[in-house]
Structure formats: structure tokens, C-alpha cells
Amino acid sequence: MNRIQIIHTEEESMKRRAALEVDPVFPVGLHGQPDPEATLRRMLAYAEFLVALDGDEPAGLAVMYANNEETRTAYITLFGMKPAYQRQGLGKELLAACEALARARGMERIRLEVTDSNVKAVRFYTRAGFVRTGACEENSSYMEKNIAKRILTRENCHDIMTKTVEEE
């Protein structure tokens, strides 16, 4: 059993501490923003913070906006584990927590941006079911995962079953 717990925190001091301690892991995190403090304030106000904790020490962080009711798309803006905690399955657990929270907020998709040269991250997200959906910046791409659970109804059952048979 892992000694790490993943929490969804509303506590501003924990959010700020986790963001600042885990930030060096990110290729372009807060440190890469023109005004890091303004970016952090915006995240603190509007984003969901999921923190992987080793005791009371932040080991990893996911920052996700899950509030776009129009597109029902959550956006993970920061996601990473400190090096000492990588390759232990904790990233999968943190990503699963993001998916569960996004579903609970009524989201149907999760989108994120990944640096194209970050092969490990691209592979991680691909294994988790994300697909590239297009270029974002000059050296990055959007990846997206459909997390909607379709409910069978009398109206859509035929279409779903037909599509399933055609795919096989």
C-alpha cells in the first residue's frame, strides 16, 4: 500500500505550497509565466487542486479547471510528480482522481497541453487514453480524453450497438 494519499484541497495555503514546491518539475509551469503570482492567484480562485501527499509533504500536483459547462471540457493546466515519486504508479492515481473529479463536475472530456519533445509525458498520457487533437503552440500539442459515460436508452441503444458491431 502506498504511503501517498491524494487529496482534493480547498485550503489556499496547501494549494500555494504544493504549486510552489512541485513547480520546478514542470517544463513550463508558474516559473515560465510572465507574471507567476497573477497566474497562481487565478488558479487559486478558479481551479481544482489535487495534491499527492507524502505525510504532509507535496509529492505531486494536478491543477485542473473543471468549470466550462458549455463545452463540458476540463483542462489540466499543471500535472506532475516530484522526481523521487515518479515511476511508482502515483501519476496514474493522480490522473484517475482528476477524471473522477471532472466527471463529478459534469465534464465529458479532459484536455491538456503537452510539450512535443516530452516523450515520457506523451507516452504516459497516451497509455491513459488521451489522443492528440492538434497543435497548440509551436512545440506543443493538445491531448484529450473522452470521459463521458454513455447511458443506454431506448433511443440510442440501436446506434451504439450498430457502431460497436461495425468497429469489430
N, C-alpha and C. Protein backbone atom coordinates (compact mmCIF):
# COMPACT_ATOMS: atom_id res chain seq x y z
N MET A 1 0.84 -1.19 0.00
CA MET A 1 0.00 0.00 0.00
C MET A 1 0.88 1.25 0.00
N ASN A 2 0.53 2.19 -0.86
CA ASN A 2 1.31 3.43 -0.94
C ASN A 2 1.16 4.26 0.32
N ARG A 3 2.20 4.94 0.66
CA ARG A 3 2.14 5.86 1.80
C ARG A 3 1.63 7.22 1.35
N ILE A 4 1.40 7.35 0.06
CA ILE A 4 0.95 8.62 -0.52
C ILE A 4 -0.57 8.66 -0.54
N GLN A 5 -1.12 9.80 -0.18
CA GLN A 5 -2.55 9.98 -0.32
C GLN A 5 -2.80 11.14 -1.27
N ILE A 6 -3.86 11.03 -2.02
CA ILE A 6 -4.23 12.09 -2.97
C ILE A 6 -5.46 12.80 -2.42
N ILE A 7 -5.32 14.10 -2.26
CA ILE A 7 -6.42 14.87 -1.69
C ILE A 7 -6.84 15.97 -2.66
N HIS A 8 -8.11 16.29 -2.60
CA HIS A 8 -8.66 17.46 -3.30
C HIS A 8 -8.77 18.52 -2.23
N THR A 9 -7.96 19.55 -2.34
CA THR A 9 -7.90 20.53 -1.26
C THR A 9 -8.52 21.86 -1.66
N GLU A 10 -9.18 22.47 -0.70
CA GLU A 10 -9.72 23.82 -0.84
C GLU A 10 -8.87 24.81 -0.04
N GLU A 11 -7.94 24.28 0.74
CA GLU A 11 -7.13 25.11 1.63
C GLU A 11 -6.08 25.89 0.81
N GLU A 12 -6.21 27.21 0.81
CA GLU A 12 -5.33 28.03 -0.02
C GLU A 12 -3.86 27.87 0.32
N SER A 13 -3.53 27.74 1.59
CA SER A 13 -2.11 27.61 1.94
C SER A 13 -1.53 26.31 1.38
N MET A 14 -2.30 25.21 1.39
CA MET A 14 -1.82 23.94 0.84
C MET A 14 -1.71 24.04 -0.68
N LYS A 15 -2.68 24.68 -1.31
CA LYS A 15 -2.62 24.86 -2.77
C LYS A 15 -1.36 25.62 -3.16
N ARG A 16 -1.13 26.73 -2.48
CA ARG A 16 0.02 27.58 -2.80
C ARG A 16 1.32 26.81 -2.55
N ARG A 17 1.41 26.14 -1.42
CA ARG A 17 2.62 25.40 -1.08
C ARG A 17 2.90 24.30 -2.10
N ALA A 18 1.88 23.52 -2.45
CA ALA A 18 2.06 22.44 -3.43
C ALA A 18 2.48 23.00 -4.78
N ALA A 19 1.83 24.08 -5.21
CA ALA A 19 2.17 24.68 -6.50
C ALA A 19 3.62 25.14 -6.54
N LEU A 20 4.07 25.78 -5.49
CA LEU A 20 5.44 26.30 -5.48
C LEU A 20 6.48 25.19 -5.32
N GLU A 21 6.17 24.16 -4.53
CA GLU A 21 7.14 23.08 -4.32
C GLU A 21 7.25 22.13 -5.51
N VAL A 22 6.15 21.90 -6.21
CA VAL A 22 6.17 20.96 -7.34
C VAL A 22 6.49 21.68 -8.65
N ASP A 23 6.35 22.98 -8.70
CA ASP A 23 6.53 23.75 -9.93
C ASP A 23 7.83 23.46 -10.69
N PRO A 24 8.98 23.27 -10.04
CA PRO A 24 10.20 23.02 -10.81
C PRO A 24 10.14 21.77 -11.70
N VAL A 25 9.21 20.85 -11.43
CA VAL A 25 9.04 19.64 -12.24
C VAL A 25 8.51 19.97 -13.64
N PHE A 26 7.72 21.02 -13.75
CA PHE A 26 7.03 21.33 -15.00
C PHE A 26 7.95 22.03 -15.99
N PRO A 27 7.93 21.57 -17.27
CA PRO A 27 8.74 22.24 -18.29
C PRO A 27 8.41 23.73 -18.37
N VAL A 28 7.12 24.03 -18.38
CA VAL A 28 6.67 25.43 -18.34
C VAL A 28 5.57 25.48 -17.29
N GLY A 29 5.94 25.82 -16.10
CA GLY A 29 4.98 25.91 -15.01
C GLY A 29 4.76 27.36 -14.67
N LEU A 30 4.59 27.62 -13.40
CA LEU A 30 4.43 29.01 -12.96
C LEU A 30 5.69 29.81 -13.30
N HIS A 31 6.85 29.17 -13.14
CA HIS A 31 8.12 29.86 -13.37
C HIS A 31 8.26 30.33 -14.82
N GLY A 32 7.50 29.75 -15.74
CA GLY A 32 7.59 30.13 -17.15
C GLY A 32 6.58 31.18 -17.56
N GLN A 33 5.79 31.66 -16.62
CA GLN A 33 4.75 32.64 -16.92
C GLN A 33 5.29 34.06 -16.78
N PRO A 34 4.76 34.99 -17.57
CA PRO A 34 5.21 36.38 -17.46
C PRO A 34 4.98 36.96 -16.06
N ASP A 35 3.86 36.60 -15.42
CA ASP A 35 3.56 37.06 -14.07
C ASP A 35 3.12 35.84 -13.25
N PRO A 36 4.09 35.10 -12.69
CA PRO A 36 3.76 33.86 -11.97
C PRO A 36 2.75 34.05 -10.84
N GLU A 37 2.86 35.14 -10.10
CA GLU A 37 1.94 35.36 -8.97
C GLU A 37 0.51 35.59 -9.46
N ALA A 38 0.33 36.33 -10.55
CA ALA A 38 -1.02 36.54 -11.09
C ALA A 38 -1.61 35.22 -11.60
N THR A 39 -0.77 34.40 -12.23
CA THR A 39 -1.22 33.09 -12.72
C THR A 39 -1.64 32.22 -11.54
N LEU A 40 -0.85 32.20 -10.49
CA LEU A 40 -1.17 31.42 -9.31
C LEU A 40 -2.46 31.92 -8.66
N ARG A 41 -2.64 33.22 -8.56
CA ARG A 41 -3.87 33.77 -7.97
C ARG A 41 -5.09 33.33 -8.77
N ARG A 42 -4.98 33.33 -10.10
CA ARG A 42 -6.09 32.90 -10.96
C ARG A 42 -6.40 31.41 -10.71
N MET A 43 -5.35 30.59 -10.62
CA MET A 43 -5.55 29.17 -10.35
C MET A 43 -6.19 28.97 -8.97
N LEU A 44 -5.70 29.69 -7.98
CA LEU A 44 -6.25 29.57 -6.63
C LEU A 44 -7.74 29.91 -6.60
N ALA A 45 -8.13 30.87 -7.41
CA ALA A 45 -9.52 31.32 -7.42
C ALA A 45 -10.46 30.38 -8.19
N TYR A 46 -9.98 29.80 -9.29
CA TYR A 46 -10.90 29.10 -10.18
C TYR A 46 -10.61 27.62 -10.43
N ALA A 47 -9.43 27.14 -10.09
CA ALA A 47 -9.06 25.77 -10.45
C ALA A 47 -9.21 24.81 -9.27
N GLU A 48 -9.27 23.55 -9.61
CA GLU A 48 -9.30 22.46 -8.64
C GLU A 48 -7.85 22.02 -8.42
N PHE A 49 -7.47 21.80 -7.18
CA PHE A 49 -6.12 21.35 -6.84
C PHE A 49 -6.21 19.95 -6.25
N LEU A 50 -5.54 19.01 -6.89
CA LEU A 50 -5.41 17.66 -6.35
C LEU A 50 -3.93 17.48 -6.01
N VAL A 51 -3.66 17.15 -4.77
CA VAL A 51 -2.29 17.09 -4.28
C VAL A 51 -1.98 15.67 -3.80
N ALA A 52 -0.86 15.13 -4.28
CA ALA A 52 -0.36 13.86 -3.76
C ALA A 52 0.54 14.20 -2.58
N LEU A 53 0.20 13.67 -1.42
CA LEU A 53 0.94 13.99 -0.20
C LEU A 53 1.66 12.77 0.35
N ASP A 54 2.91 12.99 0.73
CA ASP A 54 3.70 12.00 1.46
C ASP A 54 3.78 12.56 2.88
N GLY A 55 2.90 12.09 3.74
CA GLY A 55 2.76 12.73 5.05
C GLY A 55 2.14 14.09 4.84
N ASP A 56 2.89 15.13 5.18
CA ASP A 56 2.38 16.48 4.90
C ASP A 56 3.20 17.18 3.81
N GLU A 57 4.05 16.41 3.10
CA GLU A 57 4.89 16.96 2.04
C GLU A 57 4.28 16.72 0.66
N PRO A 58 4.11 17.77 -0.15
CA PRO A 58 3.60 17.59 -1.51
C PRO A 58 4.57 16.75 -2.35
N ALA A 59 4.06 15.68 -2.95
CA ALA A 59 4.86 14.81 -3.82
C ALA A 59 4.49 15.01 -5.28
N GLY A 60 3.28 15.50 -5.51
CA GLY A 60 2.80 15.71 -6.87
C GLY A 60 1.60 16.64 -6.84
N LEU A 61 1.23 17.10 -8.02
CA LEU A 61 0.17 18.09 -8.12
C LEU A 61 -0.53 18.00 -9.46
N ALA A 62 -1.85 18.16 -9.41
CA ALA A 62 -2.64 18.36 -10.62
C ALA A 62 -3.51 19.58 -10.37
N VAL A 63 -3.46 20.52 -11.31
CA VAL A 63 -4.31 21.70 -11.26
C VAL A 63 -5.20 21.62 -12.48
N MET A 64 -6.52 21.65 -12.24
CA MET A 64 -7.46 21.41 -13.32
C MET A 64 -8.63 22.39 -13.22
N TYR A 65 -8.98 22.97 -14.35
CA TYR A 65 -10.20 23.78 -14.44
C TYR A 65 -11.31 22.84 -14.89
N ALA A 66 -12.35 22.71 -14.10
CA ALA A 66 -13.47 21.84 -14.43
C ALA A 66 -14.77 22.62 -14.28
N ASN A 67 -14.82 23.76 -14.97
CA ASN A 67 -15.96 24.65 -14.78
C ASN A 67 -16.56 25.17 -16.09
N ASN A 68 -16.22 24.56 -17.23
CA ASN A 68 -16.77 25.01 -18.50
C ASN A 68 -18.02 24.19 -18.82
N GLU A 69 -19.15 24.70 -18.39
CA GLU A 69 -20.41 23.98 -18.58
C GLU A 69 -20.86 23.96 -20.04
N GLU A 70 -20.36 24.90 -20.82
CA GLU A 70 -20.75 24.95 -22.24
C GLU A 70 -20.11 23.80 -23.03
N THR A 71 -18.81 23.64 -22.92
CA THR A 71 -18.12 22.58 -23.68
C THR A 71 -18.01 21.28 -22.89
N ARG A 72 -18.23 21.36 -21.58
CA ARG A 72 -18.08 20.20 -20.68
C ARG A 72 -16.68 19.58 -20.81
N THR A 73 -15.70 20.47 -20.99
CA THR A 73 -14.31 20.04 -21.10
C THR A 73 -13.52 20.59 -19.93
N ALA A 74 -12.91 19.68 -19.17
CA ALA A 74 -12.00 20.08 -18.10
C ALA A 74 -10.62 20.28 -18.73
N TYR A 75 -9.82 21.15 -18.15
CA TYR A 75 -8.49 21.43 -18.68
C TYR A 75 -7.46 21.29 -17.57
N ILE A 76 -6.57 20.32 -17.72
CA ILE A 76 -5.48 20.16 -16.76
C ILE A 76 -4.37 21.12 -17.17
N THR A 77 -4.09 22.06 -16.31
CA THR A 77 -3.09 23.08 -16.64
C THR A 77 -1.71 22.76 -16.06
N LEU A 78 -1.66 22.03 -14.95
CA LEU A 78 -0.40 21.56 -14.37
C LEU A 78 -0.60 20.12 -13.90
N PHE A 79 0.36 19.27 -14.18
CA PHE A 79 0.28 17.88 -13.74
C PHE A 79 1.70 17.34 -13.65
N GLY A 80 2.06 16.85 -12.46
CA GLY A 80 3.40 16.27 -12.34
C GLY A 80 3.69 15.76 -10.95
N MET A 81 4.70 14.91 -10.89
CA MET A 81 5.19 14.34 -9.64
C MET A 81 6.65 14.76 -9.47
N LYS A 82 7.07 14.98 -8.24
CA LYS A 82 8.48 15.21 -7.98
C LYS A 82 9.26 13.97 -8.42
N PRO A 83 10.51 14.15 -8.87
CA PRO A 83 11.29 13.01 -9.39
C PRO A 83 11.34 11.79 -8.47
N ALA A 84 11.46 11.97 -7.18
CA ALA A 84 11.56 10.84 -6.25
C ALA A 84 10.29 9.99 -6.21
N TYR A 85 9.18 10.53 -6.73
CA TYR A 85 7.90 9.83 -6.68
C TYR A 85 7.44 9.34 -8.05
N GLN A 86 8.25 9.56 -9.05
CA GLN A 86 7.87 9.14 -10.39
C GLN A 86 8.10 7.64 -10.56
N ARG A 87 7.40 7.07 -11.55
CA ARG A 87 7.52 5.66 -11.94
C ARG A 87 7.11 4.70 -10.82
N GLN A 88 6.13 5.13 -10.02
CA GLN A 88 5.60 4.29 -8.95
C GLN A 88 4.09 4.08 -9.09
N GLY A 89 3.52 4.56 -10.19
CA GLY A 89 2.08 4.44 -10.40
C GLY A 89 1.28 5.57 -9.78
N LEU A 90 1.96 6.51 -9.15
CA LEU A 90 1.26 7.60 -8.49
C LEU A 90 0.65 8.59 -9.49
N GLY A 91 1.31 8.77 -10.62
CA GLY A 91 0.76 9.63 -11.67
C GLY A 91 -0.56 9.09 -12.17
N LYS A 92 -0.65 7.77 -12.34
CA LYS A 92 -1.91 7.15 -12.75
C LYS A 92 -3.01 7.42 -11.73
N GLU A 93 -2.65 7.29 -10.46
CA GLU A 93 -3.63 7.54 -9.39
C GLU A 93 -4.08 9.01 -9.40
N LEU A 94 -3.13 9.90 -9.59
CA LEU A 94 -3.46 11.33 -9.62
C LEU A 94 -4.34 11.64 -10.82
N LEU A 95 -4.03 11.06 -11.98
CA LEU A 95 -4.83 11.29 -13.17
C LEU A 95 -6.24 10.69 -13.00
N ALA A 96 -6.33 9.53 -12.38
CA ALA A 96 -7.65 8.92 -12.11
C ALA A 96 -8.48 9.82 -11.19
N ALA A 97 -7.82 10.45 -10.23
CA ALA A 97 -8.53 11.38 -9.34
C ALA A 97 -9.03 12.60 -10.12
N CYS A 98 -8.23 13.06 -11.09
CA CYS A 98 -8.67 14.17 -11.95
C CYS A 98 -9.91 13.77 -12.74
N GLU A 99 -9.88 12.56 -13.31
CA GLU A 99 -11.02 12.09 -14.10
C GLU A 99 -12.27 11.98 -13.24
N ALA A 100 -12.13 11.43 -12.05
CA ALA A 100 -13.29 11.28 -11.15
C ALA A 100 -13.86 12.64 -10.78
N LEU A 101 -13.00 13.59 -10.47
CA LEU A 101 -13.46 14.93 -10.11
C LEU A 101 -14.11 15.62 -11.31
N ALA A 102 -13.52 15.48 -12.49
CA ALA A 102 -14.10 16.09 -13.69
C ALA A 102 -15.49 15.52 -13.96
N ARG A 103 -15.64 14.21 -13.85
CA ARG A 103 -16.96 13.59 -14.03
C ARG A 103 -17.95 14.12 -12.99
N ALA A 104 -17.50 14.23 -11.75
CA ALA A 104 -18.37 14.74 -10.68
C ALA A 104 -18.82 16.17 -10.96
N ARG A 105 -18.00 16.92 -11.69
CA ARG A 105 -18.34 18.31 -12.05
C ARG A 105 -19.14 18.37 -13.36
N GLY A 106 -19.47 17.20 -13.93
CA GLY A 106 -20.29 17.16 -15.14
C GLY A 106 -19.51 17.29 -16.43
N MET A 107 -18.19 17.14 -16.36
CA MET A 107 -17.37 17.25 -17.56
C MET A 107 -17.42 15.94 -18.36
N GLU A 108 -17.27 16.05 -19.68
CA GLU A 108 -17.29 14.88 -20.56
C GLU A 108 -15.94 14.60 -21.20
N ARG A 109 -15.04 15.57 -21.13
CA ARG A 109 -13.70 15.43 -21.71
C ARG A 109 -12.69 16.10 -20.79
N ILE A 110 -11.46 15.62 -20.90
CA ILE A 110 -10.33 16.30 -20.24
C ILE A 110 -9.34 16.63 -21.34
N ARG A 111 -8.85 17.85 -21.31
CA ARG A 111 -7.87 18.31 -22.29
C ARG A 111 -6.65 18.82 -21.55
N LEU A 112 -5.50 18.65 -22.18
CA LEU A 112 -4.26 19.19 -21.62
C LEU A 112 -3.32 19.53 -22.76
N GLU A 113 -2.30 20.25 -22.44
CA GLU A 113 -1.26 20.61 -23.41
C GLU A 113 0.02 19.91 -22.98
N VAL A 114 0.71 19.34 -23.96
CA VAL A 114 1.96 18.65 -23.65
C VAL A 114 3.03 19.11 -24.63
N THR A 115 4.23 19.30 -24.12
CA THR A 115 5.36 19.66 -24.97
C THR A 115 5.72 18.46 -25.82
N ASP A 116 5.79 18.66 -27.14
CA ASP A 116 6.02 17.54 -28.06
C ASP A 116 7.32 16.78 -27.77
N SER A 117 8.34 17.47 -27.31
CA SER A 117 9.62 16.80 -27.04
C SER A 117 9.62 16.03 -25.72
N ASN A 118 8.57 16.18 -24.93
CA ASN A 118 8.47 15.47 -23.65
C ASN A 118 7.87 14.08 -23.92
N VAL A 119 8.70 13.20 -24.47
CA VAL A 119 8.26 11.88 -24.93
C VAL A 119 7.65 11.07 -23.80
N LYS A 120 8.22 11.14 -22.61
CA LYS A 120 7.69 10.38 -21.47
C LYS A 120 6.26 10.82 -21.13
N ALA A 121 6.02 12.12 -21.15
CA ALA A 121 4.68 12.62 -20.85
C ALA A 121 3.69 12.22 -21.94
N VAL A 122 4.09 12.35 -23.19
CA VAL A 122 3.21 11.96 -24.30
C VAL A 122 2.86 10.48 -24.17
N ARG A 123 3.83 9.64 -23.88
CA ARG A 123 3.59 8.20 -23.72
C ARG A 123 2.67 7.94 -22.52
N PHE A 124 2.91 8.63 -21.41
CA PHE A 124 2.07 8.46 -20.21
C PHE A 124 0.61 8.78 -20.53
N TYR A 125 0.38 9.94 -21.16
CA TYR A 125 -1.00 10.34 -21.45
C TYR A 125 -1.64 9.42 -22.50
N THR A 126 -0.86 8.99 -23.48
CA THR A 126 -1.40 8.07 -24.50
C THR A 126 -1.83 6.76 -23.85
N ARG A 127 -1.01 6.23 -22.96
CA ARG A 127 -1.37 4.99 -22.25
C ARG A 127 -2.61 5.17 -21.38
N ALA A 128 -2.84 6.40 -20.95
CA ALA A 128 -4.00 6.69 -20.10
C ALA A 128 -5.26 6.95 -20.94
N GLY A 129 -5.13 6.87 -22.27
CA GLY A 129 -6.30 7.03 -23.12
C GLY A 129 -6.45 8.38 -23.79
N PHE A 130 -5.47 9.25 -23.63
CA PHE A 130 -5.52 10.54 -24.30
C PHE A 130 -5.05 10.40 -25.74
N VAL A 131 -5.62 11.23 -26.63
CA VAL A 131 -5.20 11.25 -28.03
C VAL A 131 -4.87 12.70 -28.40
N ARG A 132 -3.91 12.84 -29.30
CA ARG A 132 -3.56 14.18 -29.79
C ARG A 132 -4.71 14.71 -30.63
N THR A 133 -5.05 15.96 -30.38
CA THR A 133 -6.16 16.57 -31.12
C THR A 133 -5.72 17.74 -31.96
N GLY A 134 -4.44 18.09 -31.90
CA GLY A 134 -3.95 19.18 -32.73
C GLY A 134 -2.84 19.96 -32.06
N ALA A 135 -2.22 20.79 -32.87
CA ALA A 135 -1.12 21.63 -32.37
C ALA A 135 -1.68 22.75 -31.51
N CYS A 136 -0.89 23.12 -30.53
CA CYS A 136 -1.27 24.23 -29.66
C CYS A 136 -0.33 25.40 -29.93
N GLU A 137 0.88 25.25 -29.48
CA GLU A 137 1.94 26.22 -29.73
C GLU A 137 2.89 25.61 -30.75
N GLU A 138 3.96 26.31 -31.01
CA GLU A 138 4.94 25.83 -31.99
C GLU A 138 5.50 24.46 -31.65
N ASN A 139 5.69 24.19 -30.35
CA ASN A 139 6.31 22.92 -29.96
C ASN A 139 5.47 22.12 -28.96
N SER A 140 4.15 22.33 -29.00
CA SER A 140 3.27 21.59 -28.10
C SER A 140 1.97 21.21 -28.79
N SER A 141 1.31 20.21 -28.22
CA SER A 141 0.06 19.71 -28.77
C SER A 141 -0.98 19.59 -27.68
N TYR A 142 -2.24 19.64 -28.11
CA TYR A 142 -3.33 19.33 -27.20
C TYR A 142 -3.54 17.82 -27.23
N MET A 143 -3.86 17.26 -26.08
CA MET A 143 -4.28 15.87 -25.98
C MET A 143 -5.60 15.88 -25.22
N GLU A 144 -6.46 14.95 -25.57
CA GLU A 144 -7.80 14.95 -24.99
C GLU A 144 -8.26 13.52 -24.74
N LYS A 145 -9.09 13.38 -23.71
CA LYS A 145 -9.67 12.08 -23.39
C LYS A 145 -11.16 12.26 -23.15
N ASN A 146 -11.94 11.39 -23.77
CA ASN A 146 -13.38 11.38 -23.54
C ASN A 146 -13.63 10.61 -22.25
N ILE A 147 -14.27 11.24 -21.30
CA ILE A 147 -14.54 10.58 -20.01
C ILE A 147 -16.03 10.41 -19.78
N ALA A 148 -16.84 10.77 -20.77
CA ALA A 148 -18.30 10.66 -20.63
C ALA A 148 -18.70 9.19 -20.57
N LYS A 149 -19.61 8.93 -19.71
CA LYS A 149 -20.18 7.58 -19.64
C LYS A 149 -21.53 7.66 -20.32
N ARG A 150 -21.67 6.89 -21.39
CA ARG A 150 -22.94 6.90 -22.13
C ARG A 150 -23.92 5.97 -21.43
N ILE A 151 -25.12 6.45 -21.30
CA ILE A 151 -26.19 5.66 -20.70
C ILE A 151 -27.06 5.14 -21.84
N LEU A 152 -27.29 3.85 -21.83
CA LEU A 152 -28.13 3.25 -22.86
C LEU A 152 -29.59 3.63 -22.62
N THR A 153 -30.18 4.13 -23.68
CA THR A 153 -31.61 4.42 -23.65
C THR A 153 -32.24 3.72 -24.84
N ARG A 154 -33.54 3.69 -24.86
CA ARG A 154 -34.25 3.10 -25.98
C ARG A 154 -33.87 3.82 -27.28
N GLU A 155 -33.65 5.14 -27.19
CA GLU A 155 -33.37 5.94 -28.38
C GLU A 155 -31.96 5.72 -28.93
N ASN A 156 -30.95 5.55 -28.06
CA ASN A 156 -29.57 5.46 -28.57
C ASN A 156 -29.03 4.03 -28.60
N CYS A 157 -29.74 3.07 -28.06
CA CYS A 157 -29.24 1.70 -27.98
C CYS A 157 -28.89 1.15 -29.36
N HIS A 158 -29.77 1.32 -30.34
CA HIS A 158 -29.51 0.79 -31.68
C HIS A 158 -28.25 1.41 -32.27
N ASP A 159 -28.11 2.73 -32.16
CA ASP A 159 -26.93 3.40 -32.72
C ASP A 159 -25.64 2.92 -32.06
N ILE A 160 -25.64 2.76 -30.75
CA ILE A 160 -24.46 2.32 -30.03
C ILE A 160 -24.10 0.88 -30.43
N MET A 161 -25.09 0.01 -30.45
CA MET A 161 -24.84 -1.39 -30.79
C MET A 161 -24.37 -1.53 -32.24
N THR A 162 -24.95 -0.76 -33.16
CA THR A 162 -24.54 -0.80 -34.56
C THR A 162 -23.11 -0.36 -34.69
N LYS A 163 -22.73 0.73 -34.01
CA LYS A 163 -21.36 1.23 -34.08
C LYS A 163 -20.39 0.20 -33.52
N THR A 164 -20.76 -0.44 -32.40
CA THR A 164 -19.90 -1.45 -31.79
C THR A 164 -19.65 -2.62 -32.75
N VAL A 165 -20.70 -3.09 -33.42
CA VAL A 165 -20.57 -4.21 -34.35
C VAL A 165 -19.70 -3.81 -35.54
N GLU A 166 -19.87 -2.57 -36.03
CA GLU A 166 -19.08 -2.09 -37.17
C GLU A 166 -17.61 -1.98 -36.82
N GLU A 167 -17.29 -1.63 -35.57
CA GLU A 167 -15.90 -1.45 -35.15
C GLU A 167 -15.19 -2.78 -35.01
N GLU A 168 -15.92 -3.85 -34.74
CA GLU A 168 -15.28 -5.17 -34.53
C GLU A 168 -14.85 -5.79 -35.77
